[in-house]
Amino acid sequence: MKKEMDIVEKTARDWLVKRGVTIDDIADLVYFLQVKYHTNLKMEDCIENVDRVLGKREVQNAILTGIQLDMLAEKNLIEPPLLDIIQRDEGLYGVDEIIALSIVNVYGSIGFTNYGYIDKQKPGILEKLNEKEGEQCHTFLDDIVGAIAAAASSRLAHRAANVE
């Protein structure tokens, strides 16, 4: 029996969708990370692992914090010079990655390598989020989405290792 979502989890999931990110988008990233290691990998397995990662409070808190900061930057409600740093997603600004690593940390060291790889490759939804065009700022969201995928990949890998 599935537990009912509390307001924090529901809001985190809703905000992802409002910012253009679906569970399927994240599951595609998990598939990208894991398909060469699991010959019979199914998208349903990827979705299940993303769903389980999104059920963690630490992950929900990171989503809400990061998206809120992105939205504040869009509305110019952060003081300079931090506003400009976030709006440009300055390369030397690493706080967005630190929030993302708090997600990855929940699932062990394999998550760190998965995160680093996907952050450099920027496949799928990550490429779209990383574009600097349009009204929306995704300085935090792109890293958070990559971290959720990396954590879900780690979860999947750990579960598969226990079955094989």
C-alpha atoms as a PDB file:
ATOM      1  CA  MET A   1       0.000   0.000   0.000  1.00  0.00           C
ATOM      2  CA  LYS A   2       1.363   3.375  -1.025  1.00  0.00           C
ATOM      3  CA  LYS A   3       1.499   6.101   1.601  1.00  0.00           C
ATOM      4  CA  GLU A   4      -0.236   9.376   0.980  1.00  0.00           C
ATOM      5  CA  MET A   5       2.080  12.250   0.055  1.00  0.00           C
ATOM      6  CA  ASP A   6       2.515  15.058   2.530  1.00  0.00           C
ATOM      7  CA  ILE A   7       2.535  18.713   1.446  1.00  0.00           C
ATOM      8  CA  VAL A   8       6.339  18.880   1.123  1.00  0.00           C
ATOM      9  CA  GLU A   9       6.567  15.894  -1.230  1.00  0.00           C
ATOM     10  CA  LYS A  10       3.530  16.968  -3.235  1.00  0.00           C
ATOM     11  CA  THR A  11       4.889  20.508  -3.625  1.00  0.00           C
ATOM     12  CA  ALA A  12       8.367  19.282  -4.640  1.00  0.00           C
ATOM     13  CA  ARG A  13       6.882  17.010  -7.303  1.00  0.00           C
ATOM     14  CA  ASP A  14       4.487  19.729  -8.512  1.00  0.00           C
ATOM     15  CA  TRP A  15       7.280  22.286  -8.758  1.00  0.00           C
ATOM     16  CA  LEU A  16       9.376  19.941 -10.882  1.00  0.00           C
ATOM     17  CA  VAL A  17       6.499  19.598 -13.350  1.00  0.00           C
ATOM     18  CA  LYS A  18       5.794  23.351 -13.328  1.00  0.00           C
ATOM     19  CA  ARG A  19       9.455  23.916 -14.192  1.00  0.00           C
ATOM     20  CA  GLY A  20       9.220  21.501 -17.129  1.00  0.00           C
ATOM     21  CA  VAL A  21      10.637  18.298 -15.608  1.00  0.00           C
ATOM     22  CA  THR A  22       8.672  15.041 -15.507  1.00  0.00           C
ATOM     23  CA  ILE A  23       9.472  11.774 -13.762  1.00  0.00           C
ATOM     24  CA  ASP A  24       9.847  10.262 -17.244  1.00  0.00           C
ATOM     25  CA  ASP A  25      12.484  12.899 -18.099  1.00  0.00           C
ATOM     26  CA  ILE A  26      14.494  11.901 -15.029  1.00  0.00           C
ATOM     27  CA  ALA A  27      13.914   8.186 -15.699  1.00  0.00           C
ATOM     28  CA  ASP A  28      15.373   8.707 -19.195  1.00  0.00           C
ATOM     29  CA  LEU A  29      18.544   9.982 -17.519  1.00  0.00           C
ATOM     30  CA  VAL A  30      18.637   6.930 -15.240  1.00  0.00           C
ATOM     31  CA  TYR A  31      18.289   4.720 -18.304  1.00  0.00           C
ATOM     32  CA  PHE A  32      21.121   6.639 -19.996  1.00  0.00           C
ATOM     33  CA  LEU A  33      23.354   6.036 -16.958  1.00  0.00           C
ATOM     34  CA  GLN A  34      22.494   2.372 -16.384  1.00  0.00           C
ATOM     35  CA  VAL A  35      21.570   0.695 -19.697  1.00  0.00           C
ATOM     36  CA  LYS A  36      25.082  -0.557 -20.462  1.00  0.00           C
ATOM     37  CA  TYR A  37      25.312  -2.228 -17.037  1.00  0.00           C
ATOM     38  CA  HIS A  38      21.881  -3.904 -17.000  1.00  0.00           C
ATOM     39  CA  THR A  39      21.019  -5.883 -20.126  1.00  0.00           C
ATOM     40  CA  ASN A  40      17.314  -6.190 -19.319  1.00  0.00           C
ATOM     41  CA  LEU A  41      16.795  -2.683 -17.950  1.00  0.00           C
ATOM     42  CA  LYS A  42      13.208  -1.515 -18.314  1.00  0.00           C
ATOM     43  CA  MET A  43      11.963   2.040 -18.157  1.00  0.00           C
ATOM     44  CA  GLU A  44       9.539   0.978 -15.393  1.00  0.00           C
ATOM     45  CA  ASP A  45      12.563   0.131 -13.205  1.00  0.00           C
ATOM     46  CA  CYS A  46      14.014   3.570 -13.836  1.00  0.00           C
ATOM     47  CA  ILE A  47      10.703   5.258 -13.025  1.00  0.00           C
ATOM     48  CA  GLU A  48      10.329   3.209  -9.828  1.00  0.00           C
ATOM     49  CA  ASN A  49      13.779   4.258  -8.618  1.00  0.00           C
ATOM     50  CA  VAL A  50      13.183   7.935  -9.443  1.00  0.00           C
ATOM     51  CA  ASP A  51       9.890   7.742  -7.575  1.00  0.00           C
ATOM     52  CA  ARG A  52      11.590   6.242  -4.515  1.00  0.00           C
ATOM     53  CA  VAL A  53      14.312   8.927  -4.540  1.00  0.00           C
ATOM     54  CA  LEU A  54      11.643  11.637  -4.753  1.00  0.00           C
ATOM     55  CA  GLY A  55      10.051  10.115  -1.653  1.00  0.00           C
ATOM     56  CA  LYS A  56      13.063  11.081   0.491  1.00  0.00           C
ATOM     57  CA  ARG A  57      12.683  14.230   2.593  1.00  0.00           C
ATOM     58  CA  GLU A  58      16.292  15.375   1.979  1.00  0.00           C
ATOM     59  CA  VAL A  59      15.587  15.256  -1.750  1.00  0.00           C
ATOM     60  CA  GLN A  60      12.311  17.138  -1.409  1.00  0.00           C
ATOM     61  CA  ASN A  61      14.029  19.841   0.646  1.00  0.00           C
ATOM     62  CA  ALA A  62      16.759  20.243  -1.972  1.00  0.00           C
ATOM     63  CA  ILE A  63      14.161  20.509  -4.761  1.00  0.00           C
ATOM     64  CA  LEU A  64      12.166  23.167  -2.914  1.00  0.00           C
ATOM     65  CA  THR A  65      15.264  25.168  -1.950  1.00  0.00           C
ATOM     66  CA  GLY A  66      16.840  25.088  -5.397  1.00  0.00           C
ATOM     67  CA  ILE A  67      13.692  25.883  -7.338  1.00  0.00           C
ATOM     68  CA  GLN A  68      12.834  28.690  -4.914  1.00  0.00           C
ATOM     69  CA  LEU A  69      16.259  30.251  -5.453  1.00  0.00           C
ATOM     70  CA  ASP A  70      15.858  29.963  -9.234  1.00  0.00           C
ATOM     71  CA  MET A  71      12.441  31.657  -9.043  1.00  0.00           C
ATOM     72  CA  LEU A  72      13.751  34.454  -6.812  1.00  0.00           C
ATOM     73  CA  ALA A  73      16.554  35.077  -9.315  1.00  0.00           C
ATOM     74  CA  GLU A  74      14.004  35.293 -12.155  1.00  0.00           C
ATOM     75  CA  LYS A  75      12.114  37.984 -10.233  1.00  0.00           C
ATOM     76  CA  ASN A  76      15.319  39.864  -9.329  1.00  0.00           C
ATOM     77  CA  LEU A  77      14.556  39.299  -5.642  1.00  0.00           C
ATOM     78  CA  ILE A  78      18.140  38.431  -4.705  1.00  0.00           C
ATOM     79  CA  GLU A  79      20.678  41.166  -3.999  1.00  0.00           C
ATOM     80  CA  PRO A  80      23.634  41.784  -6.322  1.00  0.00           C
ATOM     81  CA  PRO A  81      26.232  40.509  -6.912  1.00  0.00           C
ATOM     82  CA  LEU A  82      24.690  37.116  -6.044  1.00  0.00           C
ATOM     83  CA  LEU A  83      21.765  37.809  -8.387  1.00  0.00           C
ATOM     84  CA  ASP A  84      24.054  38.159 -11.399  1.00  0.00           C
ATOM     85  CA  ILE A  85      26.064  35.074 -10.418  1.00  0.00           C
ATOM     86  CA  ILE A  86      22.921  32.925 -10.212  1.00  0.00           C
ATOM     87  CA  GLN A  87      21.299  34.366 -13.338  1.00  0.00           C
ATOM     88  CA  ARG A  88      24.455  33.666 -15.364  1.00  0.00           C
ATOM     89  CA  ASP A  89      25.061  30.288 -13.662  1.00  0.00           C
ATOM     90  CA  GLU A  90      28.668  31.358 -13.210  1.00  0.00           C
ATOM     91  CA  GLY A  91      31.110  28.484 -13.558  1.00  0.00           C
ATOM     92  CA  LEU A  92      32.919  29.157 -10.285  1.00  0.00           C
ATOM     93  CA  TYR A  93      29.669  29.278  -8.304  1.00  0.00           C
ATOM     94  CA  GLY A  94      29.393  25.824  -6.776  1.00  0.00           C
ATOM     95  CA  VAL A  95      26.516  26.180  -4.324  1.00  0.00           C
ATOM     96  CA  ASP A  96      24.116  24.698  -6.885  1.00  0.00           C
ATOM     97  CA  GLU A  97      26.295  21.579  -7.043  1.00  0.00           C
ATOM     98  CA  ILE A  98      26.543  21.430  -3.243  1.00  0.00           C
ATOM     99  CA  ILE A  99      22.751  21.268  -2.950  1.00  0.00           C
ATOM    100  CA  ALA A 100      22.713  18.579  -5.650  1.00  0.00           C
ATOM    101  CA  LEU A 101      25.378  16.579  -3.832  1.00  0.00           C
ATOM    102  CA  SER A 102      23.164  16.507  -0.739  1.00  0.00           C
ATOM    103  CA  ILE A 103      20.791  14.383  -2.856  1.00  0.00           C
ATOM    104  CA  VAL A 104      23.506  12.142  -4.244  1.00  0.00           C
ATOM    105  CA  ASN A 105      24.952  11.621  -0.756  1.00  0.00           C
ATOM    106  CA  VAL A 106      21.814   9.734   0.306  1.00  0.00           C
ATOM    107  CA  TYR A 107      22.756   6.794  -1.978  1.00  0.00           C
ATOM    108  CA  GLY A 108      26.501   6.331  -1.580  1.00  0.00           C
ATOM    109  CA  SER A 109      29.682   6.909  -3.534  1.00  0.00           C
ATOM    110  CA  ILE A 110      28.496   5.485  -6.874  1.00  0.00           C
ATOM    111  CA  GLY A 111      26.097   8.419  -6.985  1.00  0.00           C
ATOM    112  CA  PHE A 112      28.986  10.886  -7.009  1.00  0.00           C
ATOM    113  CA  THR A 113      30.532   9.374 -10.124  1.00  0.00           C
ATOM    114  CA  ASN A 114      27.133   9.115 -11.825  1.00  0.00           C
ATOM    115  CA  TYR A 115      26.435  12.759 -10.970  1.00  0.00           C
ATOM    116  CA  GLY A 116      29.796  13.997 -12.245  1.00  0.00           C
ATOM    117  CA  TYR A 117      29.370  12.099 -15.491  1.00  0.00           C
ATOM    118  CA  ILE A 118      25.818  13.235 -16.196  1.00  0.00           C
ATOM    119  CA  ASP A 119      26.629  16.821 -15.184  1.00  0.00           C
ATOM    120  CA  LYS A 120      29.348  16.918 -17.860  1.00  0.00           C
ATOM    121  CA  GLN A 121      27.366  15.059 -20.560  1.00  0.00           C
ATOM    122  CA  LYS A 122      24.075  16.968 -20.039  1.00  0.00           C
ATOM    123  CA  PRO A 123      21.848  14.504 -21.935  1.00  0.00           C
ATOM    124  CA  GLY A 124      18.089  14.826 -22.402  1.00  0.00           C
ATOM    125  CA  ILE A 125      16.281  17.236 -20.100  1.00  0.00           C
ATOM    126  CA  LEU A 126      19.604  18.476 -18.690  1.00  0.00           C
ATOM    127  CA  GLU A 127      20.573  19.975 -22.040  1.00  0.00           C
ATOM    128  CA  LYS A 128      17.239  21.802 -22.190  1.00  0.00           C
ATOM    129  CA  LEU A 129      17.507  23.069 -18.605  1.00  0.00           C
ATOM    130  CA  ASN A 130      21.064  24.247 -19.181  1.00  0.00           C
ATOM    131  CA  GLU A 131      20.118  26.530 -22.084  1.00  0.00           C
ATOM    132  CA  LYS A 132      20.362  30.146 -21.015  1.00  0.00           C
ATOM    133  CA  GLU A 133      17.491  31.305 -23.232  1.00  0.00           C
ATOM    134  CA  GLY A 134      14.045  32.369 -22.110  1.00  0.00           C
ATOM    135  CA  GLU A 135      12.654  33.771 -18.893  1.00  0.00           C
ATOM    136  CA  GLN A 136      13.388  30.880 -16.553  1.00  0.00           C
ATOM    137  CA  CYS A 137      16.551  30.437 -14.521  1.00  0.00           C
ATOM    138  CA  HIS A 138      17.599  26.816 -13.919  1.00  0.00           C
ATOM    139  CA  THR A 139      20.923  27.328 -12.146  1.00  0.00           C
ATOM    140  CA  PHE A 140      19.864  25.029  -9.322  1.00  0.00           C
ATOM    141  CA  LEU A 141      17.287  22.866 -11.085  1.00  0.00           C
ATOM    142  CA  ASP A 142      19.594  21.345 -13.706  1.00  0.00           C
ATOM    143  CA  ASP A 143      21.973  20.128 -11.000  1.00  0.00           C
ATOM    144  CA  ILE A 144      19.120  18.868  -8.826  1.00  0.00           C
ATOM    145  CA  VAL A 145      17.594  16.885 -11.696  1.00  0.00           C
ATOM    146  CA  GLY A 146      20.995  15.384 -12.529  1.00  0.00           C
ATOM    147  CA  ALA A 147      21.462  14.466  -8.877  1.00  0.00           C
ATOM    148  CA  ILE A 148      18.037  12.799  -8.657  1.00  0.00           C
ATOM    149  CA  ALA A 149      18.938  10.731 -11.736  1.00  0.00           C
ATOM    150  CA  ALA A 150      22.349   9.857 -10.285  1.00  0.00           C
ATOM    151  CA  ALA A 151      20.780   8.854  -6.951  1.00  0.00           C
ATOM    152  CA  ALA A 152      18.114   6.756  -8.690  1.00  0.00           C
ATOM    153  CA  SER A 153      20.848   5.104 -10.780  1.00  0.00           C
ATOM    154  CA  SER A 154      22.781   4.296  -7.613  1.00  0.00           C
ATOM    155  CA  ARG A 155      19.674   2.886  -5.981  1.00  0.00           C
ATOM    156  CA  LEU A 156      19.036   0.743  -9.047  1.00  0.00           C
ATOM    157  CA  ALA A 157      22.650  -0.482  -9.157  1.00  0.00           C
ATOM    158  CA  HIS A 158      22.654  -1.393  -5.450  1.00  0.00           C
ATOM    159  CA  ARG A 159      19.379  -3.283  -5.772  1.00  0.00           C
ATOM    160  CA  ALA A 160      20.577  -5.137  -8.877  1.00  0.00           C
ATOM    161  CA  ALA A 161      23.844  -6.104  -7.162  1.00  0.00           C
ATOM    162  CA  ASN A 162      21.867  -7.638  -4.297  1.00  0.00           C
ATOM    163  CA  VAL A 163      19.776  -9.715  -6.721  1.00  0.00           C
ATOM    164  CA  GLU A 164      22.546 -10.949  -9.056  1.00  0.00           C
END
